[in-house]
Amino acid sequence: MADWLAYPLLVFLGLAGGVAVGSGMVALLVILDLIPRLAQLARAYGHSVWFESAVIAGSVYWSFADFLDWRLRLPGVAQLAGIGLIDGIFIGMLAAALTEVLNVLPILAKRLHLSKYMVALVMAMVLGKIAGSLFDWLVYQW
C-alpha cells in the first residue's frame, strides 16, 4: 500500500480505537456509577468532584506519558514499591466499588425476568474475562 494512503488510514484507525476505548471507559464509569459508589464507600461524597478530577487528570497525564515516552528515573526497588502501592490502592478501591455495584445484578435479573439465567449471566462474564485475558497474554505478548 502506498505511504500516502497508509498513514492517514493508520491515523484514522488509531483515533477510532482511542474513541472506542475511551467511550467504553466512560460508559463503565457512568452506567455502573463507580465514582459515586467509591465516594460513598470512602465516606467522602461531598468530595466526589476530587474523585472525578483524579480520574480525568490521571487519564490525561498517562496519555501524555505514553505519547511522549516519559520515564521515571528512580532506583528499581523504589519505583516498584511506589507503583505497587498506587496500583494496590487503585485495585482495592475499584474492587470495593465494583462489589457494591454488582449487587445490582440480582435486582436487574429479577426485574427483567432473567433470574433463572443468573448463573449463565455470571459465567458468561467470567468466561469472557478469562478468554480476553488469555488472548491478550498468548497473542499480544508474543
N, C-alpha and C. Protein backbone atom coordinates (compact mmCIF):
# COMPACT_ATOMS: atom_id res chain seq x y z
N MET A 1 0.85 -1.18 0.00
CA MET A 1 0.00 0.00 0.00
C MET A 1 0.90 1.24 0.00
N ALA A 2 0.53 2.24 -0.72
CA ALA A 2 1.32 3.46 -0.82
C ALA A 2 1.34 4.18 0.53
N ASP A 3 2.49 4.85 0.82
CA ASP A 3 2.62 5.55 2.09
C ASP A 3 1.60 6.66 2.25
N TRP A 4 1.27 7.35 1.18
CA TRP A 4 0.32 8.46 1.28
C TRP A 4 -1.06 7.96 1.66
N LEU A 5 -1.33 6.68 1.43
CA LEU A 5 -2.62 6.11 1.81
C LEU A 5 -2.55 5.41 3.16
N ALA A 6 -1.39 4.87 3.49
CA ALA A 6 -1.24 4.10 4.73
C ALA A 6 -1.28 4.98 5.97
N TYR A 7 -0.60 6.10 5.95
CA TYR A 7 -0.53 6.94 7.15
C TYR A 7 -1.89 7.52 7.56
N PRO A 8 -2.66 8.09 6.65
CA PRO A 8 -4.00 8.55 7.07
C PRO A 8 -4.89 7.40 7.57
N LEU A 9 -4.73 6.24 6.97
CA LEU A 9 -5.51 5.08 7.42
C LEU A 9 -5.10 4.68 8.84
N LEU A 10 -3.80 4.69 9.11
CA LEU A 10 -3.32 4.36 10.46
C LEU A 10 -3.77 5.40 11.48
N VAL A 11 -3.73 6.66 11.09
CA VAL A 11 -4.20 7.72 11.99
C VAL A 11 -5.68 7.53 12.29
N PHE A 12 -6.45 7.26 11.26
CA PHE A 12 -7.89 7.04 11.45
C PHE A 12 -8.15 5.84 12.36
N LEU A 13 -7.45 4.73 12.12
CA LEU A 13 -7.65 3.54 12.96
C LEU A 13 -7.22 3.79 14.40
N GLY A 14 -6.14 4.52 14.59
CA GLY A 14 -5.69 4.85 15.94
C GLY A 14 -6.69 5.71 16.68
N LEU A 15 -7.20 6.74 16.00
CA LEU A 15 -8.20 7.60 16.62
C LEU A 15 -9.50 6.85 16.89
N ALA A 16 -9.91 6.00 15.94
CA ALA A 16 -11.14 5.23 16.13
C ALA A 16 -10.99 4.28 17.33
N GLY A 17 -9.84 3.64 17.44
CA GLY A 17 -9.61 2.76 18.58
C GLY A 17 -9.61 3.52 19.89
N GLY A 18 -8.99 4.71 19.90
CA GLY A 18 -8.97 5.53 21.11
C GLY A 18 -10.35 5.99 21.52
N VAL A 19 -11.14 6.38 20.55
CA VAL A 19 -12.52 6.81 20.84
C VAL A 19 -13.33 5.63 21.37
N ALA A 20 -13.13 4.45 20.79
CA ALA A 20 -13.87 3.27 21.25
C ALA A 20 -13.50 2.91 22.69
N VAL A 21 -12.21 2.90 22.99
CA VAL A 21 -11.77 2.57 24.35
C VAL A 21 -12.21 3.64 25.34
N GLY A 22 -12.06 4.90 24.95
CA GLY A 22 -12.49 5.99 25.83
C GLY A 22 -13.98 5.96 26.09
N SER A 23 -14.75 5.69 25.05
CA SER A 23 -16.21 5.59 25.22
C SER A 23 -16.58 4.43 26.13
N GLY A 24 -15.89 3.33 25.97
CA GLY A 24 -16.15 2.18 26.84
C GLY A 24 -15.83 2.48 28.29
N MET A 25 -14.74 3.19 28.53
CA MET A 25 -14.35 3.54 29.90
C MET A 25 -15.37 4.50 30.51
N VAL A 26 -15.79 5.49 29.74
CA VAL A 26 -16.79 6.44 30.23
C VAL A 26 -18.11 5.72 30.49
N ALA A 27 -18.49 4.82 29.59
CA ALA A 27 -19.73 4.06 29.79
C ALA A 27 -19.65 3.23 31.06
N LEU A 28 -18.49 2.61 31.29
CA LEU A 28 -18.31 1.82 32.51
C LEU A 28 -18.47 2.70 33.75
N LEU A 29 -17.84 3.85 33.74
CA LEU A 29 -17.90 4.74 34.90
C LEU A 29 -19.30 5.31 35.10
N VAL A 30 -19.98 5.64 34.01
CA VAL A 30 -21.30 6.28 34.13
C VAL A 30 -22.39 5.26 34.42
N ILE A 31 -22.44 4.19 33.65
CA ILE A 31 -23.52 3.22 33.81
C ILE A 31 -23.45 2.51 35.15
N LEU A 32 -22.26 2.12 35.56
CA LEU A 32 -22.13 1.42 36.83
C LEU A 32 -21.99 2.36 38.02
N ASP A 33 -21.98 3.67 37.79
CA ASP A 33 -21.86 4.66 38.87
C ASP A 33 -20.69 4.37 39.80
N LEU A 34 -19.53 4.10 39.22
CA LEU A 34 -18.39 3.71 40.05
C LEU A 34 -17.88 4.85 40.93
N ILE A 35 -17.81 6.05 40.41
CA ILE A 35 -17.26 7.15 41.20
C ILE A 35 -18.17 7.52 42.36
N PRO A 36 -19.49 7.66 42.16
CA PRO A 36 -20.33 7.92 43.34
C PRO A 36 -20.28 6.78 44.37
N ARG A 37 -20.21 5.53 43.90
CA ARG A 37 -20.11 4.41 44.84
C ARG A 37 -18.79 4.46 45.59
N LEU A 38 -17.73 4.80 44.89
CA LEU A 38 -16.42 4.90 45.52
C LEU A 38 -16.42 6.02 46.57
N ALA A 39 -17.02 7.15 46.24
CA ALA A 39 -17.12 8.25 47.19
C ALA A 39 -17.98 7.86 48.39
N GLN A 40 -19.02 7.08 48.15
CA GLN A 40 -19.88 6.63 49.23
C GLN A 40 -19.12 5.69 50.16
N LEU A 41 -18.35 4.76 49.57
CA LEU A 41 -17.57 3.82 50.39
C LEU A 41 -16.50 4.53 51.20
N ALA A 42 -15.92 5.57 50.63
CA ALA A 42 -14.88 6.32 51.33
C ALA A 42 -15.46 7.35 52.30
N ARG A 43 -16.79 7.42 52.35
CA ARG A 43 -17.50 8.40 53.19
C ARG A 43 -17.04 9.82 52.88
N ALA A 44 -16.86 10.08 51.59
CA ALA A 44 -16.40 11.39 51.13
C ALA A 44 -17.27 11.86 49.98
N TYR A 45 -18.57 11.68 50.11
CA TYR A 45 -19.47 12.00 48.99
C TYR A 45 -19.42 13.48 48.64
N GLY A 46 -19.19 14.33 49.62
CA GLY A 46 -19.08 15.77 49.36
C GLY A 46 -17.85 16.12 48.54
N HIS A 47 -16.89 15.22 48.50
CA HIS A 47 -15.65 15.46 47.75
C HIS A 47 -15.59 14.63 46.47
N SER A 48 -16.74 14.22 45.95
CA SER A 48 -16.73 13.36 44.76
C SER A 48 -16.15 14.08 43.54
N VAL A 49 -16.16 15.41 43.55
CA VAL A 49 -15.53 16.16 42.47
C VAL A 49 -14.04 15.83 42.40
N TRP A 50 -13.42 15.61 43.56
CA TRP A 50 -12.00 15.25 43.58
C TRP A 50 -11.77 13.88 42.94
N PHE A 51 -12.69 12.95 43.18
CA PHE A 51 -12.56 11.63 42.56
C PHE A 51 -12.67 11.75 41.04
N GLU A 52 -13.64 12.51 40.58
CA GLU A 52 -13.83 12.69 39.14
C GLU A 52 -12.63 13.39 38.52
N SER A 53 -12.13 14.43 39.21
CA SER A 53 -10.97 15.15 38.70
C SER A 53 -9.73 14.26 38.67
N ALA A 54 -9.60 13.37 39.65
CA ALA A 54 -8.45 12.46 39.67
C ALA A 54 -8.49 11.49 38.50
N VAL A 55 -9.67 11.01 38.16
CA VAL A 55 -9.79 10.10 37.01
C VAL A 55 -9.42 10.83 35.72
N ILE A 56 -9.91 12.04 35.56
CA ILE A 56 -9.61 12.81 34.35
C ILE A 56 -8.13 13.17 34.29
N ALA A 57 -7.59 13.67 35.40
CA ALA A 57 -6.17 14.05 35.43
C ALA A 57 -5.27 12.84 35.19
N GLY A 58 -5.61 11.72 35.78
CA GLY A 58 -4.82 10.51 35.56
C GLY A 58 -4.86 10.06 34.11
N SER A 59 -6.02 10.13 33.50
CA SER A 59 -6.14 9.75 32.09
C SER A 59 -5.32 10.66 31.20
N VAL A 60 -5.41 11.96 31.43
CA VAL A 60 -4.66 12.92 30.61
C VAL A 60 -3.16 12.77 30.84
N TYR A 61 -2.76 12.67 32.11
CA TYR A 61 -1.33 12.54 32.42
C TYR A 61 -0.73 11.30 31.78
N TRP A 62 -1.37 10.15 31.96
CA TRP A 62 -0.79 8.92 31.45
C TRP A 62 -0.88 8.82 29.93
N SER A 63 -1.84 9.52 29.33
CA SER A 63 -1.86 9.60 27.86
C SER A 63 -0.64 10.37 27.37
N PHE A 64 -0.35 11.51 28.00
CA PHE A 64 0.85 12.26 27.63
C PHE A 64 2.11 11.46 27.92
N ALA A 65 2.14 10.77 29.06
CA ALA A 65 3.32 9.97 29.40
C ALA A 65 3.57 8.88 28.37
N ASP A 66 2.50 8.31 27.86
CA ASP A 66 2.65 7.27 26.84
C ASP A 66 3.07 7.86 25.50
N PHE A 67 2.40 8.92 25.07
CA PHE A 67 2.71 9.52 23.78
C PHE A 67 4.09 10.15 23.73
N LEU A 68 4.50 10.79 24.82
CA LEU A 68 5.78 11.50 24.85
C LEU A 68 6.92 10.66 25.41
N ASP A 69 6.63 9.40 25.72
CA ASP A 69 7.64 8.45 26.20
C ASP A 69 8.36 8.94 27.45
N TRP A 70 7.58 9.43 28.42
CA TRP A 70 8.15 9.88 29.68
C TRP A 70 8.64 8.68 30.47
N ARG A 71 9.71 8.85 31.22
CA ARG A 71 10.29 7.79 32.04
C ARG A 71 10.50 8.28 33.47
N LEU A 72 10.32 7.38 34.42
CA LEU A 72 10.64 7.67 35.82
C LEU A 72 12.09 7.27 36.06
N ARG A 73 12.86 8.16 36.63
CA ARG A 73 14.27 7.88 36.91
C ARG A 73 14.45 7.63 38.41
N LEU A 74 13.98 6.49 38.87
CA LEU A 74 14.10 6.10 40.27
C LEU A 74 14.82 4.77 40.35
N PRO A 75 15.43 4.47 41.51
CA PRO A 75 16.00 3.12 41.66
C PRO A 75 14.91 2.07 41.51
N GLY A 76 15.29 0.89 41.05
CA GLY A 76 14.33 -0.17 40.75
C GLY A 76 13.39 -0.50 41.90
N VAL A 77 13.94 -0.63 43.12
CA VAL A 77 13.12 -1.01 44.27
C VAL A 77 12.12 0.10 44.61
N ALA A 78 12.56 1.34 44.61
CA ALA A 78 11.67 2.46 44.93
C ALA A 78 10.58 2.59 43.87
N GLN A 79 10.96 2.40 42.62
CA GLN A 79 9.98 2.51 41.53
C GLN A 79 8.93 1.41 41.66
N LEU A 80 9.37 0.18 41.90
CA LEU A 80 8.43 -0.93 42.05
C LEU A 80 7.54 -0.75 43.27
N ALA A 81 8.12 -0.30 44.39
CA ALA A 81 7.33 -0.12 45.61
C ALA A 81 6.28 0.98 45.41
N GLY A 82 6.66 2.08 44.78
CA GLY A 82 5.70 3.18 44.56
C GLY A 82 4.59 2.79 43.62
N ILE A 83 4.95 2.17 42.51
CA ILE A 83 3.94 1.76 41.55
C ILE A 83 3.05 0.67 42.15
N GLY A 84 3.65 -0.25 42.90
CA GLY A 84 2.86 -1.30 43.55
C GLY A 84 1.87 -0.74 44.55
N LEU A 85 2.30 0.25 45.32
CA LEU A 85 1.41 0.87 46.30
C LEU A 85 0.24 1.58 45.61
N ILE A 86 0.55 2.37 44.60
CA ILE A 86 -0.51 3.09 43.89
C ILE A 86 -1.45 2.12 43.19
N ASP A 87 -0.89 1.09 42.54
CA ASP A 87 -1.74 0.08 41.89
C ASP A 87 -2.61 -0.65 42.90
N GLY A 88 -2.05 -0.98 44.04
CA GLY A 88 -2.82 -1.68 45.07
C GLY A 88 -3.97 -0.85 45.59
N ILE A 89 -3.73 0.43 45.82
CA ILE A 89 -4.81 1.32 46.27
C ILE A 89 -5.90 1.40 45.22
N PHE A 90 -5.48 1.57 43.95
CA PHE A 90 -6.47 1.68 42.87
C PHE A 90 -7.29 0.40 42.74
N ILE A 91 -6.63 -0.74 42.71
CA ILE A 91 -7.33 -2.02 42.54
C ILE A 91 -8.26 -2.28 43.73
N GLY A 92 -7.81 -1.97 44.93
CA GLY A 92 -8.64 -2.18 46.11
C GLY A 92 -9.90 -1.32 46.09
N MET A 93 -9.74 -0.05 45.76
CA MET A 93 -10.90 0.83 45.71
C MET A 93 -11.83 0.46 44.56
N LEU A 94 -11.26 0.08 43.42
CA LEU A 94 -12.08 -0.33 42.29
C LEU A 94 -12.84 -1.61 42.61
N ALA A 95 -12.18 -2.55 43.27
CA ALA A 95 -12.85 -3.80 43.65
C ALA A 95 -13.98 -3.53 44.63
N ALA A 96 -13.75 -2.64 45.58
CA ALA A 96 -14.81 -2.31 46.54
C ALA A 96 -16.00 -1.66 45.84
N ALA A 97 -15.73 -0.75 44.92
CA ALA A 97 -16.82 -0.10 44.19
C ALA A 97 -17.55 -1.09 43.31
N LEU A 98 -16.82 -1.97 42.63
CA LEU A 98 -17.46 -2.96 41.77
C LEU A 98 -18.29 -3.95 42.58
N THR A 99 -17.82 -4.30 43.76
CA THR A 99 -18.58 -5.21 44.62
C THR A 99 -19.92 -4.59 44.98
N GLU A 100 -19.91 -3.31 45.29
CA GLU A 100 -21.15 -2.62 45.61
C GLU A 100 -22.06 -2.54 44.39
N VAL A 101 -21.48 -2.27 43.24
CA VAL A 101 -22.27 -2.11 42.03
C VAL A 101 -22.84 -3.45 41.57
N LEU A 102 -22.08 -4.51 41.71
CA LEU A 102 -22.53 -5.81 41.23
C LEU A 102 -23.68 -6.38 42.06
N ASN A 103 -23.99 -5.75 43.18
CA ASN A 103 -25.19 -6.14 43.92
C ASN A 103 -26.44 -5.81 43.11
N VAL A 104 -26.28 -5.01 42.08
CA VAL A 104 -27.40 -4.62 41.22
C VAL A 104 -27.81 -5.77 40.30
N LEU A 105 -26.88 -6.68 39.97
CA LEU A 105 -27.17 -7.77 39.04
C LEU A 105 -28.38 -8.61 39.45
N PRO A 106 -28.50 -9.08 40.68
CA PRO A 106 -29.69 -9.86 41.03
C PRO A 106 -31.00 -9.06 40.91
N ILE A 107 -30.95 -7.78 41.25
CA ILE A 107 -32.15 -6.95 41.15
C ILE A 107 -32.53 -6.77 39.69
N LEU A 108 -31.53 -6.51 38.84
CA LEU A 108 -31.77 -6.34 37.42
C LEU A 108 -32.31 -7.63 36.80
N ALA A 109 -31.74 -8.76 37.19
CA ALA A 109 -32.20 -10.05 36.66
C ALA A 109 -33.65 -10.32 37.08
N LYS A 110 -34.00 -9.94 38.29
CA LYS A 110 -35.37 -10.17 38.76
C LYS A 110 -36.36 -9.29 37.99
N ARG A 111 -35.99 -8.04 37.77
CA ARG A 111 -36.89 -7.14 37.05
C ARG A 111 -37.05 -7.51 35.59
N LEU A 112 -36.00 -8.06 34.98
CA LEU A 112 -36.06 -8.44 33.57
C LEU A 112 -36.49 -9.90 33.40
N HIS A 113 -36.88 -10.52 34.50
CA HIS A 113 -37.32 -11.92 34.49
C HIS A 113 -36.22 -12.84 33.95
N LEU A 114 -35.00 -12.60 34.38
CA LEU A 114 -33.86 -13.42 33.98
C LEU A 114 -33.27 -14.17 35.17
N SER A 115 -34.02 -14.30 36.24
CA SER A 115 -33.49 -14.92 37.45
C SER A 115 -33.00 -16.34 37.21
N LYS A 116 -33.70 -17.09 36.38
CA LYS A 116 -33.27 -18.48 36.15
C LYS A 116 -32.01 -18.55 35.28
N TYR A 117 -31.62 -17.42 34.65
CA TYR A 117 -30.41 -17.38 33.83
C TYR A 117 -29.25 -16.67 34.54
N MET A 118 -29.38 -16.42 35.82
CA MET A 118 -28.38 -15.66 36.56
C MET A 118 -27.01 -16.34 36.54
N VAL A 119 -26.99 -17.64 36.74
CA VAL A 119 -25.72 -18.37 36.72
C VAL A 119 -25.07 -18.26 35.34
N ALA A 120 -25.87 -18.39 34.30
CA ALA A 120 -25.33 -18.26 32.94
C ALA A 120 -24.80 -16.86 32.68
N LEU A 121 -25.48 -15.84 33.20
CA LEU A 121 -25.04 -14.46 33.03
C LEU A 121 -23.69 -14.23 33.70
N VAL A 122 -23.55 -14.68 34.92
CA VAL A 122 -22.28 -14.51 35.64
C VAL A 122 -21.18 -15.34 34.98
N MET A 123 -21.51 -16.57 34.57
CA MET A 123 -20.50 -17.42 33.91
C MET A 123 -20.06 -16.81 32.58
N ALA A 124 -20.97 -16.18 31.86
CA ALA A 124 -20.61 -15.52 30.60
C ALA A 124 -19.61 -14.39 30.85
N MET A 125 -19.83 -13.62 31.93
CA MET A 125 -18.90 -12.55 32.26
C MET A 125 -17.54 -13.11 32.67
N VAL A 126 -17.53 -14.16 33.48
CA VAL A 126 -16.27 -14.76 33.93
C VAL A 126 -15.52 -15.38 32.76
N LEU A 127 -16.20 -16.16 31.94
CA LEU A 127 -15.53 -16.79 30.81
C LEU A 127 -15.07 -15.77 29.78
N GLY A 128 -15.81 -14.69 29.60
CA GLY A 128 -15.37 -13.62 28.71
C GLY A 128 -14.11 -12.96 29.21
N LYS A 129 -14.03 -12.74 30.51
CA LYS A 129 -12.82 -12.15 31.10
C LYS A 129 -11.64 -13.09 30.94
N ILE A 130 -11.85 -14.36 31.19
CA ILE A 130 -10.77 -15.35 31.05
C ILE A 130 -10.31 -15.42 29.60
N ALA A 131 -11.26 -15.50 28.67
CA ALA A 131 -10.90 -15.59 27.24
C ALA A 131 -10.15 -14.35 26.79
N GLY A 132 -10.60 -13.17 27.20
CA GLY A 132 -9.91 -11.93 26.83
C GLY A 132 -8.51 -11.86 27.41
N SER A 133 -8.35 -12.27 28.66
CA SER A 133 -7.02 -12.26 29.28
C SER A 133 -6.09 -13.25 28.60
N LEU A 134 -6.57 -14.46 28.33
CA LEU A 134 -5.73 -15.44 27.64
C LEU A 134 -5.35 -14.97 26.24
N PHE A 135 -6.29 -14.38 25.53
CA PHE A 135 -6.00 -13.85 24.20
C PHE A 135 -4.91 -12.78 24.28
N ASP A 136 -5.04 -11.88 25.26
CA ASP A 136 -4.05 -10.82 25.42
C ASP A 136 -2.68 -11.39 25.76
N TRP A 137 -2.63 -12.32 26.71
CA TRP A 137 -1.34 -12.88 27.13
C TRP A 137 -0.69 -13.72 26.05
N LEU A 138 -1.50 -14.54 25.37
CA LEU A 138 -0.93 -15.50 24.41
C LEU A 138 -0.69 -14.90 23.04
N VAL A 139 -1.51 -13.94 22.62
CA VAL A 139 -1.37 -13.39 21.27
C VAL A 139 -0.55 -12.11 21.27
N TYR A 140 -0.91 -11.15 22.13
CA TYR A 140 -0.23 -9.86 22.09
C TYR A 140 1.11 -9.84 22.80
N GLN A 141 1.33 -10.71 23.74
CA GLN A 141 2.60 -10.72 24.46
C GLN A 141 3.70 -11.41 23.68
N TRP A 142 3.37 -12.19 22.71
CA TRP A 142 4.39 -12.92 21.95
C TRP A 142 4.54 -12.27 20.65
